[in-house]
Amino acid sequence: MRTLILGASGLVGGNCLKHFKAEGWECIGTHFSYETEQTLFFNTLDPAKDDLALVDQFSPEVIVHCGALTWVDYCEEHPEESFEKTVTSTKNAVALSKKQNATLVYLSTDYVFDGKKGFYSEDDSVHPLSVYGKHKLEAEQHVKDHLSSYLICRITNVYGDEIRGKNFIARLSENMRKGDAMELNLPMDQYATPVNAWDVARAIRLLLAAKKQGVYHFASTDYLNRVQLAERIATYFGHDGIRIHPVTTEALAPAAERPLMGGMSAAKFNQEFPDFRWSNVDDYLKQLKNTSR
């Protein structure tokens, strides 16, 4: 399947590019702000004629839109940039999909919910609290309003292998391995369902191969707050110089309001693909432990 991956230098996009190619799909991966050897530059905010000509020549059957501004507090303080990099980029991806008659896969988040319930299903009512969440929801709605062939895949607390190692688990485990003293003030009241980006890529491929449409939630078996997640990492890479201090989100006073009881239920996906097995945080930490020896 010919697949164009926008934002393929990031965590989810990079795993999609690797997995799809391993499955024999013909892929082009693009980057906007971070270049890799496997990606080509593509301005999702204002595609140039040469970029569009390349897409026309490739004629993708699927476009996976992974690029977005995910720094939640920064989005809160820079709403115009947040809108441009989340909503405008998605509108351009929608226009590209319509022109190519391609299925669009849009990656969204549990920040479209208010965090009062947790384990959200695809049918639960949305109520974003932050600029980031509102813009992700606006982008979702634009996809629904303008395309008939699409997948909206909601994910949260994504971790896994990536070139920059920006995700929480990769970054914290690497810092712990250095052996430096660490004082961590982490929210004990923010719960989520961490998911491995490799599993996200595998799940997307299955949905596309089965020609599924609509909204799907991806989640593994873990339901953790940030303190519990850091403590889990410390069981593999911890040392005497680490101090983890549980605090409330209110005490941290972030710029953007968080959905405290977040996370999602993957029951819909699991029912449709009963043989699929999600990995969990311990699986990934064991993998990191083995490769770091």
Protein backbone atom coordinates (compact mmCIF):
# COMPACT_ATOMS: atom_id res chain seq x y z
CA MET A 1 0.00 0.00 0.00
CA ARG A 2 1.44 3.38 -0.99
CA THR A 3 1.60 5.46 2.19
CA LEU A 4 2.68 9.04 2.80
CA ILE A 5 3.62 9.67 6.45
CA LEU A 6 3.63 13.31 7.48
CA GLY A 7 5.83 13.81 10.54
CA ALA A 8 7.82 10.60 10.09
CA SER A 9 10.82 11.88 12.05
CA GLY A 10 8.80 11.82 15.28
CA LEU A 11 7.92 9.02 17.67
CA VAL A 12 4.73 7.65 16.11
CA GLY A 13 5.58 8.58 12.53
CA GLY A 14 9.01 7.01 12.76
CA ASN A 15 7.59 3.74 14.07
CA CYS A 16 4.93 3.75 11.35
CA LEU A 17 7.56 4.26 8.66
CA LYS A 18 9.69 1.41 10.00
CA HIS A 19 6.82 -1.02 10.50
CA PHE A 20 5.00 -0.32 7.23
CA LYS A 21 8.20 -0.76 5.22
CA ALA A 22 8.95 -4.01 7.05
CA GLU A 23 5.52 -5.22 5.97
CA GLY A 24 6.33 -4.48 2.34
CA TRP A 25 4.39 -1.23 1.98
CA GLU A 26 5.76 1.48 -0.29
CA CYS A 27 6.28 4.53 1.93
CA ILE A 28 7.47 8.11 1.84
CA GLY A 29 8.17 9.73 5.20
CA THR A 30 8.41 13.49 5.64
CA HIS A 31 9.71 15.89 8.27
CA PHE A 32 9.02 19.54 9.02
CA SER A 33 11.34 20.69 11.82
CA TYR A 34 13.57 17.67 12.46
CA GLU A 35 15.38 16.00 9.58
CA THR A 36 16.41 12.35 9.45
CA GLU A 37 18.13 10.23 6.80
CA GLN A 38 14.84 8.44 6.12
CA THR A 39 12.64 11.53 5.61
CA LEU A 40 12.06 14.30 3.08
CA PHE A 41 11.14 17.88 3.93
CA PHE A 42 7.46 18.73 3.53
CA ASN A 43 5.90 21.94 4.81
CA THR A 44 2.53 20.85 6.17
CA LEU A 45 1.68 24.49 6.96
CA ASP A 46 2.18 25.71 3.40
CA PRO A 47 3.09 22.93 0.94
CA ALA A 48 5.32 24.09 -1.89
CA LYS A 49 4.66 23.25 -5.55
CA ASP A 50 7.62 20.86 -5.69
CA ASP A 51 6.36 19.04 -2.59
CA LEU A 52 2.90 18.69 -4.06
CA ALA A 53 4.35 17.48 -7.36
CA LEU A 54 6.24 14.77 -5.47
CA VAL A 55 3.01 13.67 -3.78
CA ASP A 56 1.18 13.65 -7.12
CA GLN A 57 3.88 11.46 -8.59
CA PHE A 58 3.78 9.06 -5.63
CA SER A 59 -0.04 8.99 -5.63
CA PRO A 60 -0.53 7.73 -2.05
CA GLU A 61 -3.44 5.53 -1.13
CA VAL A 62 -3.03 6.46 2.55
CA ILE A 63 -1.81 9.62 4.26
CA VAL A 64 -0.85 9.32 7.94
CA HIS A 65 -0.73 12.72 9.65
CA CYS A 66 1.51 12.48 12.74
CA GLY A 67 2.87 16.02 12.81
CA ALA A 68 1.61 18.35 15.54
CA LEU A 69 2.70 20.64 18.36
CA THR A 70 2.35 18.43 21.46
CA TRP A 71 3.91 20.68 24.14
CA VAL A 72 0.68 21.31 26.03
CA ASP A 73 1.76 24.27 28.18
CA TYR A 74 3.48 25.95 25.23
CA CYS A 75 0.25 25.62 23.24
CA GLU A 76 -1.65 27.30 26.05
CA GLU A 77 0.67 30.31 25.94
CA HIS A 78 1.00 30.36 22.12
CA PRO A 79 -2.52 29.64 20.83
CA GLU A 80 -1.91 31.01 17.33
CA GLU A 81 1.08 28.73 16.78
CA SER A 82 -0.86 25.83 18.29
CA PHE A 83 -3.72 26.43 15.85
CA GLU A 84 -1.36 26.64 12.90
CA LYS A 85 0.60 23.47 13.70
CA THR A 86 -2.41 21.39 14.69
CA VAL A 87 -5.50 22.69 12.89
CA THR A 88 -3.99 24.31 9.79
CA SER A 89 -1.63 21.39 9.17
CA THR A 90 -4.59 19.00 9.44
CA LYS A 91 -6.67 21.07 7.03
CA ASN A 92 -3.80 20.82 4.54
CA ALA A 93 -3.57 17.06 5.10
CA VAL A 94 -7.32 16.79 4.48
CA ALA A 95 -7.02 18.78 1.25
CA LEU A 96 -4.14 16.54 0.16
CA SER A 97 -6.17 13.42 0.95
CA LYS A 98 -9.14 14.68 -1.04
CA LYS A 99 -6.95 15.49 -4.02
CA GLN A 100 -5.30 12.04 -3.93
CA ASN A 101 -8.51 10.20 -3.04
CA ALA A 102 -6.53 8.75 -0.14
CA THR A 103 -7.56 7.57 3.31
CA LEU A 104 -6.35 9.95 6.02
CA VAL A 105 -5.13 8.68 9.38
CA TYR A 106 -5.17 11.43 12.00
CA LEU A 107 -3.50 10.97 15.40
CA SER A 108 -5.43 12.54 18.26
CA THR A 109 -5.42 12.44 22.06
CA ASP A 110 -7.35 11.90 25.29
CA TYR A 111 -6.99 15.66 25.88
CA VAL A 112 -10.25 16.02 23.92
CA PHE A 113 -11.90 14.80 27.19
CA ASP A 114 -12.20 16.56 30.54
CA GLY A 115 -10.60 13.84 32.64
CA LYS A 116 -13.49 13.32 35.05
CA LYS A 117 -14.10 9.70 34.04
CA GLY A 118 -11.02 7.89 32.70
CA PHE A 119 -10.89 4.87 30.38
CA TYR A 120 -12.74 6.82 27.71
CA SER A 121 -14.50 5.00 24.90
CA GLU A 122 -15.04 6.31 21.38
CA ASP A 123 -18.68 7.12 22.24
CA ASP A 124 -17.93 9.28 25.30
CA SER A 125 -18.71 13.00 25.11
CA VAL A 126 -15.76 15.28 24.39
CA HIS A 127 -14.94 18.33 26.50
CA PRO A 128 -11.36 19.61 26.10
CA LEU A 129 -9.92 21.79 28.88
CA SER A 130 -6.83 23.23 27.19
CA VAL A 131 -5.91 25.05 24.00
CA TYR A 132 -4.08 21.92 22.88
CA GLY A 133 -7.14 19.73 23.47
CA LYS A 134 -9.49 22.19 21.78
CA HIS A 135 -7.29 22.39 18.70
CA LYS A 136 -6.95 18.60 18.48
CA LEU A 137 -10.73 18.31 18.66
CA GLU A 138 -11.21 21.03 16.04
CA ALA A 139 -8.83 19.14 13.74
CA GLU A 140 -10.76 15.91 14.39
CA GLN A 141 -14.02 17.61 13.45
CA HIS A 142 -12.55 19.01 10.25
CA VAL A 143 -11.48 15.50 9.24
CA LYS A 144 -14.99 14.16 9.92
CA ASP A 145 -16.69 17.03 8.09
CA HIS A 146 -14.61 16.90 4.92
CA LEU A 147 -13.60 13.28 4.36
CA SER A 148 -15.52 10.06 3.93
CA SER A 149 -12.46 7.81 4.23
CA TYR A 150 -10.55 8.43 7.45
CA LEU A 151 -9.26 6.99 10.71
CA ILE A 152 -8.96 9.06 13.87
CA CYS A 153 -6.71 7.21 16.31
CA ARG A 154 -6.57 8.63 19.83
CA ILE A 155 -3.45 7.90 21.88
CA THR A 156 -1.83 9.23 25.04
CA ASN A 157 1.44 8.99 26.96
CA VAL A 158 3.14 7.42 23.96
CA TYR A 159 6.60 5.94 24.52
CA GLY A 160 9.05 3.80 22.60
CA ASP A 161 12.10 3.93 20.37
CA GLU A 162 12.75 7.23 18.62
CA ILE A 163 15.81 9.00 17.31
CA ARG A 164 15.58 11.96 19.69
CA GLY A 165 14.41 10.01 22.75
CA LYS A 166 12.02 12.79 23.77
CA ASN A 167 9.26 10.69 25.32
CA PHE A 168 8.99 10.51 29.12
CA ILE A 169 10.08 6.88 29.57
CA ALA A 170 13.03 7.10 27.17
CA ARG A 171 14.21 10.43 28.60
CA LEU A 172 13.85 9.47 32.26
CA SER A 173 15.41 6.03 31.87
CA GLU A 174 18.39 7.56 30.06
CA ASN A 175 18.85 10.16 32.81
CA MET A 176 18.67 7.47 35.47
CA ARG A 177 21.29 5.40 33.66
CA LYS A 178 23.72 8.32 33.88
CA GLY A 179 23.67 7.96 37.67
CA ASP A 180 23.19 11.66 38.41
CA ALA A 181 21.24 12.83 41.44
CA MET A 182 17.63 13.61 40.55
CA GLU A 183 14.81 15.40 42.38
CA LEU A 184 11.52 14.70 40.61
CA ASN A 185 8.31 16.52 41.52
CA LEU A 186 5.63 14.57 39.67
CA PRO A 187 1.83 14.74 39.65
CA MET A 188 0.19 11.93 41.58
CA ASP A 189 -3.30 12.79 40.32
CA GLN A 190 -2.79 12.57 36.54
CA TYR A 191 -3.69 9.10 35.29
CA ALA A 192 -3.29 7.79 31.75
CA THR A 193 -2.90 4.67 29.62
CA PRO A 194 0.67 4.65 28.24
CA VAL A 195 1.06 2.99 24.86
CA ASN A 196 4.10 1.94 22.85
CA ALA A 197 4.48 3.70 19.49
CA TRP A 198 5.41 0.36 17.89
CA ASP A 199 2.00 -1.01 18.94
CA VAL A 200 0.35 2.13 17.56
CA ALA A 201 2.02 1.50 14.20
CA ARG A 202 0.97 -2.16 14.20
CA ALA A 203 -2.62 -1.26 15.11
CA ILE A 204 -2.86 1.40 12.39
CA ARG A 205 -1.61 -1.05 9.77
CA LEU A 206 -4.22 -3.61 10.79
CA LEU A 207 -7.01 -1.03 10.59
CA LEU A 208 -5.88 0.10 7.16
CA ALA A 209 -5.44 -3.43 5.84
CA ALA A 210 -8.96 -4.26 7.03
CA LYS A 211 -10.29 -1.02 5.46
CA LYS A 212 -11.73 0.18 8.76
CA GLN A 213 -13.11 3.70 9.16
CA GLY A 214 -13.95 6.05 12.01
CA VAL A 215 -12.57 6.69 15.51
CA TYR A 216 -10.46 4.19 17.45
CA HIS A 217 -8.82 4.36 20.87
CA PHE A 218 -5.45 2.71 21.43
CA ALA A 219 -4.34 1.64 24.92
CA SER A 220 -2.44 -1.14 26.62
CA THR A 221 -3.10 -2.73 30.01
CA ASP A 222 -1.27 -0.10 32.11
CA TYR A 223 -3.17 2.61 33.98
CA LEU A 224 -0.67 4.75 35.86
CA ASN A 225 -0.05 8.22 37.21
CA ARG A 226 3.30 9.92 36.61
CA VAL A 227 4.63 8.98 40.04
CA GLN A 228 3.85 5.30 39.51
CA LEU A 229 5.37 5.44 36.04
CA ALA A 230 8.60 7.00 37.33
CA GLU A 231 8.76 4.44 40.13
CA ARG A 232 8.32 1.66 37.57
CA ILE A 233 11.26 3.05 35.57
CA ALA A 234 13.31 3.32 38.76
CA THR A 235 12.86 -0.41 39.45
CA TYR A 236 14.92 -1.03 36.32
CA PHE A 237 17.32 1.95 36.22
CA GLY A 238 17.08 3.58 39.64
CA HIS A 239 19.87 4.39 42.09
CA ASP A 240 20.27 5.97 45.52
CA GLY A 241 20.48 9.49 44.13
CA ILE A 242 16.87 9.53 42.86
CA ARG A 243 14.13 11.21 44.87
CA ILE A 244 10.55 11.06 43.58
CA HIS A 245 8.19 13.52 45.27
CA PRO A 246 4.43 13.08 44.67
CA VAL A 247 2.63 16.41 44.31
CA THR A 248 -0.76 17.51 43.04
CA THR A 249 -1.28 19.08 39.65
CA GLU A 250 -2.67 22.14 41.42
CA ALA A 251 0.61 22.53 43.32
CA LEU A 252 2.57 22.32 40.07
CA ALA A 253 0.33 25.03 38.58
CA PRO A 254 0.88 24.20 34.89
CA ALA A 255 -0.15 26.76 32.29
CA ALA A 256 -2.66 24.35 30.75
CA GLU A 257 -5.35 22.48 32.65
CA ARG A 258 -4.98 18.69 32.50
CA PRO A 259 -7.62 15.97 32.23
CA LEU A 260 -6.69 14.24 35.49
CA MET A 261 -8.51 10.93 35.02
CA GLY A 262 -7.47 10.44 31.42
CA GLY A 263 -6.62 7.37 29.41
CA MET A 264 -8.68 5.30 27.05
CA SER A 265 -10.30 1.93 26.56
CA ALA A 266 -9.24 -0.04 23.50
CA ALA A 267 -12.23 -2.38 23.83
CA LYS A 268 -13.56 -1.54 20.37
CA PHE A 269 -10.25 -2.30 18.68
CA ASN A 270 -9.68 -5.40 20.83
CA GLN A 271 -13.07 -6.82 19.90
CA GLU A 272 -12.40 -6.35 16.18
CA PHE A 273 -8.82 -7.71 16.40
CA PRO A 274 -8.90 -10.30 19.22
CA ASP A 275 -5.52 -11.79 18.26
CA PHE A 276 -3.68 -8.47 18.66
CA ARG A 277 -1.48 -8.24 21.75
CA TRP A 278 -0.51 -4.89 23.25
CA SER A 279 2.86 -4.69 24.96
CA ASN A 280 3.15 -2.88 28.29
CA VAL A 281 5.57 -0.60 30.13
CA ASP A 282 7.41 -3.50 31.77
CA ASP A 283 7.93 -5.16 28.40
CA TYR A 284 9.60 -2.02 27.08
CA LEU A 285 11.69 -1.41 30.20
CA LYS A 286 12.96 -5.00 30.09
CA GLN A 287 13.90 -4.42 26.45
CA LEU A 288 15.79 -1.23 27.35
CA LYS A 289 17.51 -3.00 30.23
CA ASN A 290 18.70 -5.81 27.98
CA THR A 291 19.98 -3.48 25.26
CA SER A 292 21.83 -1.23 27.73
CA ARG A 293 24.01 -4.03 29.12
